[in-house]
Protein backbone atom coordinates (compact mmCIF):
# COMPACT_ATOMS: atom_id res chain seq x y z
CA UNK A 1 58.98 -158.47 -131.37
CA UNK A 2 55.02 -160.59 -131.41
CA UNK A 3 55.29 -161.25 -134.84
CA UNK A 4 58.90 -162.72 -134.42
CA UNK A 5 57.06 -164.77 -131.43
CA UNK A 6 54.08 -165.22 -133.61
CA UNK A 7 56.56 -167.45 -136.58
CA UNK A 8 58.26 -168.94 -134.43
CA UNK A 9 55.29 -170.81 -132.39
CA UNK A 10 53.74 -171.37 -135.88
CA UNK A 11 57.00 -172.74 -136.80
CA UNK A 12 56.65 -175.04 -133.98
CA UNK A 13 53.56 -176.21 -134.83
CA UNK A 14 53.65 -176.94 -137.75
CA UNK A 15 57.12 -178.99 -137.73
CA UNK A 16 55.91 -181.00 -134.46
CA UNK A 17 52.24 -181.72 -136.36
CA UNK A 18 54.50 -182.70 -139.21
CA UNK A 19 56.71 -185.37 -137.54
CA UNK A 20 53.15 -186.26 -135.33
CA UNK A 21 51.58 -186.72 -138.32
CA UNK A 22 54.44 -189.08 -140.34
CA UNK A 23 54.62 -191.15 -136.91
CA UNK A 24 50.83 -192.03 -136.66
CA UNK A 25 50.87 -193.06 -139.93
CA UNK A 26 53.48 -195.06 -140.81
CA UNK A 27 52.64 -196.78 -137.40
CA UNK A 28 49.03 -197.73 -138.70
CA UNK A 29 50.18 -198.86 -142.31
CA UNK A 30 53.70 -199.79 -142.49
CA UNK A 31 54.86 -202.65 -140.41
CA UNK A 32 58.34 -203.68 -141.66
CA UNK A 33 61.55 -201.19 -141.59
CA UNK A 34 60.04 -198.71 -143.61
CA UNK A 35 58.14 -198.08 -141.40
CA UNK A 36 60.58 -197.51 -138.43
CA UNK A 37 62.55 -195.22 -140.37
CA UNK A 38 59.58 -193.35 -140.90
CA UNK A 39 58.66 -192.79 -137.56
CA UNK A 40 62.67 -192.65 -136.81
CA UNK A 41 62.04 -189.65 -139.55
CA UNK A 42 59.38 -188.19 -137.47
CA UNK A 43 61.01 -188.27 -134.16
CA UNK A 44 64.24 -186.49 -135.86
CA UNK A 45 62.05 -183.98 -137.33
CA UNK A 46 60.41 -182.93 -134.15
CA UNK A 47 63.27 -182.96 -132.12
CA UNK A 48 65.03 -180.72 -134.73
CA UNK A 49 61.93 -178.33 -134.74
CA UNK A 50 62.09 -178.09 -130.85
CA UNK A 51 65.75 -177.46 -130.65
CA UNK A 52 65.16 -174.75 -133.11
CA UNK A 53 62.75 -173.16 -131.16
CA UNK A 54 64.69 -173.35 -127.98
CA UNK A 55 67.76 -171.90 -129.28
CA UNK A 56 65.40 -169.53 -130.58
CA UNK A 57 63.74 -168.67 -126.92
CA UNK A 58 67.11 -168.87 -125.67
CA UNK A 59 68.75 -165.66 -128.57
CA UNK A 60 65.82 -163.55 -127.24
CA UNK A 61 65.91 -164.39 -123.28
CA UNK A 62 70.18 -163.47 -123.68
CA UNK A 63 68.77 -160.09 -125.20
CA UNK A 64 67.02 -159.19 -122.25
CA UNK A 65 68.56 -157.64 -118.96
CA UNK A 66 69.98 -159.65 -116.28
CA UNK A 67 66.81 -158.76 -113.99
CA UNK A 68 64.05 -158.91 -116.72
CA UNK A 69 65.54 -162.47 -116.59
CA UNK A 70 64.33 -163.72 -113.39
CA UNK A 71 61.96 -161.04 -112.02
CA UNK A 72 61.83 -162.87 -108.79
CA UNK A 73 65.35 -162.24 -107.98
CA UNK A 74 66.58 -159.06 -105.80
CA UNK A 75 69.76 -157.58 -105.39
């Protein structure tokens, strides 16, 4: 499970990193509608990456027993 978590963290880091590079590069060099399109693409990539990571995290939490999901709650 640790290996899968590593790859998920790496995926999130690379995806958001690429998106930030796209956004910053287009904001610095392109000042027209093409630049806005590249910025929008960068934001889309970042949102997609974070959304995929969130789905993976939810799926892993769903596999855990109920007591392990919320350790503070006691029945």
